[in-house]
């Protein structure tokens, strides 16, 4: 994504927008007829399922859902520079990689907090293009308290949650790892984390493109602790989901909590051969250019499932 010189667009970029800011294309999404069943929470190892959305002859999106059992250890990884999900997988020997938090593609610095092994490894307050941007001053308090996906260490147990950055960990638990993003989809925090402006009831500013269809990524939590990694890929340059449509989709998967991750050109997923039906490692990218070609955008941070003999 190229940085527009206009201050307003700079503000949108630093807030984490990953959408196309061009006029909508009139191209129709290419139909894909295959529809696979939705994932079951009754699994003992990660499982990838794929489906079209909506279920008709001209779907707007192809949705990749990796269902992860509660006992699986999910980690956060961050790069000094920018990498594709395949590069993250190769460097970490991960079995699965999902794109993570927001970043500024102009300087490669994070706009999200991140914690790895109990240590803060990414701090948006160090990104001067974010902190010193006058267009964002009115939003800064909430930007620095964005929602995040958390892995807690509670004695010998692993627990996951989605909470605001400033929220305390539960009694008896410490934050093992965290990845900031937002807004929360379930419950809906778009009112405070969507960074939208209205005038006379009309939407004047939608900083993260909540109401336009786009490639999306999200993580969900089911009541029993099962994790859901979701990557929404466009089937045409104007395909994908709005945030409201993504929320409804997460509800159909049984998510009790859900968090929107960086989307648009950042949306990407890698899965090793043991997680796919064909037994072949695959990389999936969410956004298409106006010619219908996949955009392989390097990113700053990811969620990973580390390699394990149990897989």
Protein backbone atom coordinates (compact mmCIF):
# COMPACT_ATOMS: atom_id res chain seq x y z
CA UNK A 1 0.00 0.00 0.00
CA UNK A 2 1.38 3.38 -0.95
CA UNK A 3 1.15 6.21 1.54
CA UNK A 4 -1.07 9.06 0.39
CA UNK A 5 0.31 12.50 1.16
CA UNK A 6 -3.02 13.73 2.47
CA UNK A 7 -3.00 14.03 6.30
CA UNK A 8 -6.45 12.46 6.62
CA UNK A 9 -5.39 9.31 4.75
CA UNK A 10 -2.23 9.17 6.83
CA UNK A 11 -4.50 8.99 9.85
CA UNK A 12 -6.50 6.15 8.34
CA UNK A 13 -3.36 4.24 7.47
CA UNK A 14 -1.89 4.49 10.94
CA UNK A 15 -5.17 3.37 12.44
CA UNK A 16 -4.67 0.11 10.66
CA UNK A 17 -6.84 0.34 7.56
CA UNK A 18 -5.86 -2.31 5.04
CA UNK A 19 -8.63 -1.72 2.55
CA UNK A 20 -8.50 -0.39 -0.99
CA UNK A 21 -9.34 3.29 -1.19
CA UNK A 22 -10.18 3.20 -4.87
CA UNK A 23 -13.66 3.35 -6.32
CA UNK A 24 -15.51 0.01 -6.31
CA UNK A 25 -14.91 -2.13 -9.36
CA UNK A 26 -17.81 -3.28 -11.51
CA UNK A 27 -16.23 -6.69 -11.99
CA UNK A 28 -18.35 -9.58 -10.75
CA UNK A 29 -16.86 -12.13 -8.37
CA UNK A 30 -16.00 -15.42 -10.01
CA UNK A 31 -18.36 -18.20 -8.89
CA UNK A 32 -16.97 -21.10 -6.90
CA UNK A 33 -19.44 -23.88 -6.34
CA UNK A 34 -17.63 -26.02 -3.79
CA UNK A 35 -19.09 -25.66 -0.30
CA UNK A 36 -17.56 -27.58 2.58
CA UNK A 37 -19.12 -28.20 5.97
CA UNK A 38 -18.57 -25.82 8.83
CA UNK A 39 -16.00 -26.95 11.40
CA UNK A 40 -16.92 -29.00 14.43
CA UNK A 41 -15.69 -28.07 17.90
CA UNK A 42 -15.27 -31.78 18.67
CA UNK A 43 -11.67 -32.12 17.48
CA UNK A 44 -8.41 -33.28 19.04
CA UNK A 45 -6.06 -31.49 16.62
CA UNK A 46 -6.26 -28.40 14.38
CA UNK A 47 -8.47 -28.83 11.34
CA UNK A 48 -8.90 -26.64 8.28
CA UNK A 49 -12.29 -26.28 6.59
CA UNK A 50 -13.18 -24.13 3.59
CA UNK A 51 -16.52 -22.74 2.49
CA UNK A 52 -18.05 -20.19 0.19
CA UNK A 53 -19.99 -17.21 1.52
CA UNK A 54 -22.81 -16.75 0.89
CA UNK A 55 -23.84 -20.21 -0.25
CA UNK A 56 -24.93 -19.34 -3.78
CA UNK A 57 -23.68 -19.46 -7.35
CA UNK A 58 -21.76 -16.17 -7.07
CA UNK A 59 -20.20 -16.04 -3.58
CA UNK A 60 -18.52 -12.88 -2.36
CA UNK A 61 -15.88 -14.71 -0.33
CA UNK A 62 -14.03 -17.94 0.20
CA UNK A 63 -13.61 -18.50 3.94
CA UNK A 64 -10.81 -20.52 5.52
CA UNK A 65 -11.45 -21.64 9.09
CA UNK A 66 -8.78 -23.34 11.20
CA UNK A 67 -10.39 -24.86 14.27
CA UNK A 68 -7.90 -25.30 17.12
CA UNK A 69 -8.58 -27.42 20.25
CA UNK A 70 -8.34 -25.77 23.68
CA UNK A 71 -5.13 -27.58 24.62
CA UNK A 72 -3.17 -26.21 21.66
CA UNK A 73 -0.41 -23.68 22.42
CA UNK A 74 -0.80 -20.64 20.15
CA UNK A 75 2.10 -18.18 20.07
CA UNK A 76 2.64 -14.59 18.90
CA UNK A 77 5.55 -13.84 16.57
CA UNK A 78 6.86 -10.48 15.36
CA UNK A 79 9.54 -9.56 12.84
CA UNK A 80 12.04 -6.71 12.88
CA UNK A 81 11.06 -6.11 9.27
CA UNK A 82 8.09 -7.37 7.27
CA UNK A 83 7.56 -10.99 6.15
CA UNK A 84 5.00 -13.10 4.36
CA UNK A 85 3.22 -15.87 6.23
CA UNK A 86 5.41 -18.42 4.40
CA UNK A 87 8.54 -16.65 5.63
CA UNK A 88 7.21 -16.58 9.18
CA UNK A 89 6.44 -20.32 8.87
CA UNK A 90 9.94 -21.09 7.60
CA UNK A 91 11.65 -18.99 10.28
CA UNK A 92 9.59 -20.35 13.19
CA UNK A 93 8.96 -23.89 11.85
CA UNK A 94 5.28 -23.22 12.52
CA UNK A 95 2.50 -25.60 11.53
CA UNK A 96 0.09 -22.72 10.92
CA UNK A 97 0.41 -18.94 10.60
CA UNK A 98 -2.30 -16.26 10.57
CA UNK A 99 -1.63 -12.57 9.99
CA UNK A 100 -1.86 -10.50 13.13
CA UNK A 101 -1.94 -6.88 14.30
CA UNK A 102 -1.88 -3.48 12.63
CA UNK A 103 1.32 -1.84 11.43
CA UNK A 104 2.46 1.11 9.36
CA UNK A 105 3.70 -0.23 6.00
CA UNK A 106 5.58 3.02 5.36
CA UNK A 107 8.06 2.54 8.21
CA UNK A 108 7.41 -1.09 9.17
CA UNK A 109 6.62 -0.15 12.77
CA UNK A 110 3.78 -1.53 14.83
CA UNK A 111 0.61 0.34 15.71
CA UNK A 112 -0.37 -2.48 18.11
CA UNK A 113 0.94 -3.72 21.45
CA UNK A 114 2.37 -7.24 21.45
CA UNK A 115 3.71 -9.51 24.20
CA UNK A 116 5.81 -12.66 23.72
CA UNK A 117 6.73 -14.98 26.61
CA UNK A 118 5.64 -12.35 29.12
CA UNK A 119 7.76 -9.57 27.59
CA UNK A 120 6.41 -6.51 25.78
CA UNK A 121 8.03 -6.73 22.33
CA UNK A 122 6.00 -4.16 20.37
CA UNK A 123 4.88 -0.77 21.64
CA UNK A 124 2.96 1.65 19.38
CA UNK A 125 4.07 4.56 21.59
CA UNK A 126 7.50 4.19 19.96
CA UNK A 127 6.02 4.84 16.50
CA UNK A 128 6.35 8.61 16.12
CA UNK A 129 4.31 8.66 12.88
CA UNK A 130 1.43 7.37 14.95
CA UNK A 131 1.91 9.29 18.19
CA UNK A 132 2.76 12.63 16.55
CA UNK A 133 -0.05 12.55 14.00
CA UNK A 134 -2.39 15.47 14.90
CA UNK A 135 -5.29 13.87 13.05
CA UNK A 136 -5.24 11.00 15.55
CA UNK A 137 -4.89 12.92 18.80
CA UNK A 138 -8.62 12.70 19.59
CA UNK A 139 -8.45 8.89 19.17
CA UNK A 140 -5.11 8.25 20.85
CA UNK A 141 -6.42 7.12 24.23
CA UNK A 142 -8.46 4.38 22.57
CA UNK A 143 -5.71 3.51 20.05
CA UNK A 144 -3.44 2.74 23.01
CA UNK A 145 -6.17 0.68 24.66
CA UNK A 146 -7.17 -1.44 21.69
CA UNK A 147 -8.56 -4.91 22.14
CA UNK A 148 -6.10 -7.79 22.06
CA UNK A 149 -6.00 -11.56 21.89
CA UNK A 150 -4.36 -12.95 25.00
CA UNK A 151 -2.84 -16.20 26.12
CA UNK A 152 -2.71 -16.48 29.90
CA UNK A 153 -0.46 -18.69 31.98
CA UNK A 154 -2.60 -19.80 34.93
CA UNK A 155 -0.42 -22.17 36.90
CA UNK A 156 0.17 -25.00 34.48
CA UNK A 157 -2.93 -24.23 32.41
CA UNK A 158 -3.28 -22.32 29.14
CA UNK A 159 -6.24 -19.96 28.91
CA UNK A 160 -7.23 -17.61 26.09
CA UNK A 161 -9.24 -14.41 26.15
CA UNK A 162 -9.96 -11.19 24.28
CA UNK A 163 -9.72 -8.01 26.34
CA UNK A 164 -8.76 -4.35 26.18
CA UNK A 165 -5.03 -3.72 26.50
CA UNK A 166 -5.37 -1.96 29.86
CA UNK A 167 -7.47 -4.74 31.42
CA UNK A 168 -5.88 -6.72 34.23
CA UNK A 169 -5.18 -10.42 33.94
CA UNK A 170 -7.45 -12.71 36.01
CA UNK A 171 -6.34 -13.60 39.53
CA UNK A 172 -3.70 -16.31 39.48
CA UNK A 173 -2.84 -15.70 35.82
CA UNK A 174 -0.16 -13.77 33.95
CA UNK A 175 -0.11 -12.64 30.31
CA UNK A 176 2.09 -15.09 28.42
CA UNK A 177 1.45 -13.51 25.02
CA UNK A 178 -0.85 -10.93 23.45
CA UNK A 179 -1.55 -9.37 20.08
CA UNK A 180 -3.43 -6.10 19.69
CA UNK A 181 -5.95 -5.51 16.91
CA UNK A 182 -9.67 -4.65 17.00
CA UNK A 183 -12.44 -3.95 17.16
CA UNK A 184 -14.03 -6.82 18.99
CA UNK A 185 -16.74 -8.44 16.91
CA UNK A 186 -18.37 -10.33 19.80
CA UNK A 187 -19.22 -8.41 21.89
CA UNK A 188 -19.30 -5.52 19.44
CA UNK A 189 -16.88 -2.70 20.31
CA UNK A 190 -16.94 -0.99 16.92
CA UNK A 191 -18.59 2.06 18.48
CA UNK A 192 -15.42 2.81 20.45
CA UNK A 193 -12.80 1.06 18.30
CA UNK A 194 -14.09 1.74 14.80
CA UNK A 195 -12.86 5.36 14.79
CA UNK A 196 -15.89 6.52 12.84
CA UNK A 197 -17.32 10.04 12.56
CA UNK A 198 -20.93 10.95 11.82
CA UNK A 199 -22.55 14.25 10.85
CA UNK A 200 -26.35 14.60 11.00
CA UNK A 201 -26.64 10.81 11.17
CA UNK A 202 -24.53 10.25 8.03
CA UNK A 203 -21.25 8.36 8.15
CA UNK A 204 -18.45 10.80 7.28
CA UNK A 205 -15.37 8.79 8.24
CA UNK A 206 -14.85 5.05 8.50
CA UNK A 207 -11.17 4.67 9.35
CA UNK A 208 -10.94 0.88 9.17
CA UNK A 209 -13.49 0.36 6.40
CA UNK A 210 -16.07 -1.37 8.57
CA UNK A 211 -18.92 -1.00 6.08
CA UNK A 212 -17.21 -2.05 2.88
CA UNK A 213 -16.57 -5.62 1.81
CA UNK A 214 -12.94 -6.60 1.98
CA UNK A 215 -10.62 -9.44 2.81
CA UNK A 216 -10.73 -10.00 6.58
CA UNK A 217 -9.00 -11.96 9.32
CA UNK A 218 -10.35 -12.73 12.79
CA UNK A 219 -9.90 -14.97 15.79
CA UNK A 220 -12.79 -16.41 17.78
CA UNK A 221 -13.25 -18.23 21.09
CA UNK A 222 -15.90 -20.85 21.65
CA UNK A 223 -17.34 -21.43 25.12
CA UNK A 224 -15.31 -24.64 25.60
CA UNK A 225 -12.03 -22.85 24.80
CA UNK A 226 -11.76 -23.92 21.17
CA UNK A 227 -10.04 -21.29 19.01
CA UNK A 228 -11.19 -20.27 15.54
CA UNK A 229 -8.81 -18.70 13.05
CA UNK A 230 -10.78 -17.18 10.19
CA UNK A 231 -9.42 -15.74 6.94
CA UNK A 232 -11.92 -14.25 4.48
CA UNK A 233 -10.61 -14.20 0.90
CA UNK A 234 -12.19 -12.21 -1.90
CA UNK A 235 -13.58 -14.08 -4.90
CA UNK A 236 -13.44 -10.86 -6.93
CA UNK A 237 -11.91 -7.38 -6.45
CA UNK A 238 -15.09 -6.13 -4.70
CA UNK A 239 -15.74 -9.30 -2.69
CA UNK A 240 -15.15 -10.15 0.93
CA UNK A 241 -17.17 -9.24 4.01
CA UNK A 242 -18.09 -6.13 5.96
CA UNK A 243 -17.34 -6.25 9.69
CA UNK A 244 -21.04 -6.82 10.40
CA UNK A 245 -21.09 -9.76 8.00
CA UNK A 246 -17.93 -11.15 9.57
CA UNK A 247 -19.55 -10.86 12.99
CA UNK A 248 -22.59 -12.83 11.83
CA UNK A 249 -20.32 -15.46 10.33
CA UNK A 250 -18.39 -15.83 13.58
CA UNK A 251 -21.69 -16.34 15.40
CA UNK A 252 -22.57 -19.20 13.03
CA UNK A 253 -19.28 -20.85 14.05
CA UNK A 254 -20.32 -20.75 17.70
CA UNK A 255 -17.91 -18.02 18.76
CA UNK A 256 -18.66 -16.49 22.16
CA UNK A 257 -15.96 -13.86 21.68
CA UNK A 258 -14.29 -12.66 18.48
CA UNK A 259 -11.63 -10.13 17.50
CA UNK A 260 -11.03 -8.47 14.15
CA UNK A 261 -7.38 -8.65 13.03
CA UNK A 262 -5.59 -6.65 10.34
CA UNK A 263 -7.34 -7.21 7.02
CA UNK A 264 -7.33 -6.24 3.37
CA UNK A 265 -3.95 -6.89 1.79
CA UNK A 266 -2.64 -8.24 5.10
CA UNK A 267 -5.15 -11.11 5.31
CA UNK A 268 -3.22 -14.34 4.83
CA UNK A 269 -3.02 -17.86 6.20
CA UNK A 270 -0.44 -20.65 5.98
CA UNK A 271 -1.14 -24.25 6.99
CA UNK A 272 1.24 -27.20 6.97
CA UNK A 273 0.45 -30.40 5.12
CA UNK A 274 -0.81 -32.20 8.24
CA UNK A 275 -3.66 -29.69 8.61
CA UNK A 276 -5.00 -29.94 5.07
CA UNK A 277 -7.25 -32.52 3.45
CA UNK A 278 -4.85 -32.96 0.53
CA UNK A 279 -1.76 -33.38 2.70
CA UNK A 280 0.02 -30.45 1.03
CA UNK A 281 1.16 -27.25 2.71
CA UNK A 282 -0.88 -24.27 1.50
CA UNK A 283 -0.75 -20.49 1.66
CA UNK A 284 -3.92 -18.47 1.17
CA UNK A 285 -4.12 -14.72 0.50
CA UNK A 286 -7.26 -12.68 0.97
CA UNK A 287 -7.10 -9.62 -1.23
CA UNK A 288 -7.22 -9.38 -5.02
CA UNK A 289 -6.08 -6.51 -7.20
CA UNK A 290 -8.26 -5.07 -9.98
CA UNK A 291 -6.97 -7.76 -12.34
CA UNK A 292 -8.05 -10.49 -9.96
CA UNK A 293 -4.53 -11.45 -8.89
CA UNK A 294 -3.69 -12.28 -5.29
CA UNK A 295 -1.77 -9.65 -3.32
CA UNK A 296 1.05 -11.22 -1.29
CA UNK A 297 1.75 -8.52 1.26
CA UNK A 298 4.51 -8.91 3.88
CA UNK A 299 3.30 -8.22 7.42
CA UNK A 300 4.68 -7.33 10.84
CA UNK A 301 3.18 -9.89 13.22
CA UNK A 302 1.38 -13.21 13.22
CA UNK A 303 -0.23 -15.87 15.35
CA UNK A 304 1.42 -19.27 15.00
CA UNK A 305 0.93 -22.88 16.00
CA UNK A 306 4.45 -24.14 16.73
CA UNK A 307 5.69 -27.45 15.38
CA UNK A 308 5.01 -30.40 17.70
CA UNK A 309 5.53 -34.14 17.59
CA UNK A 310 1.83 -34.49 18.44
CA UNK A 311 0.95 -33.15 14.98
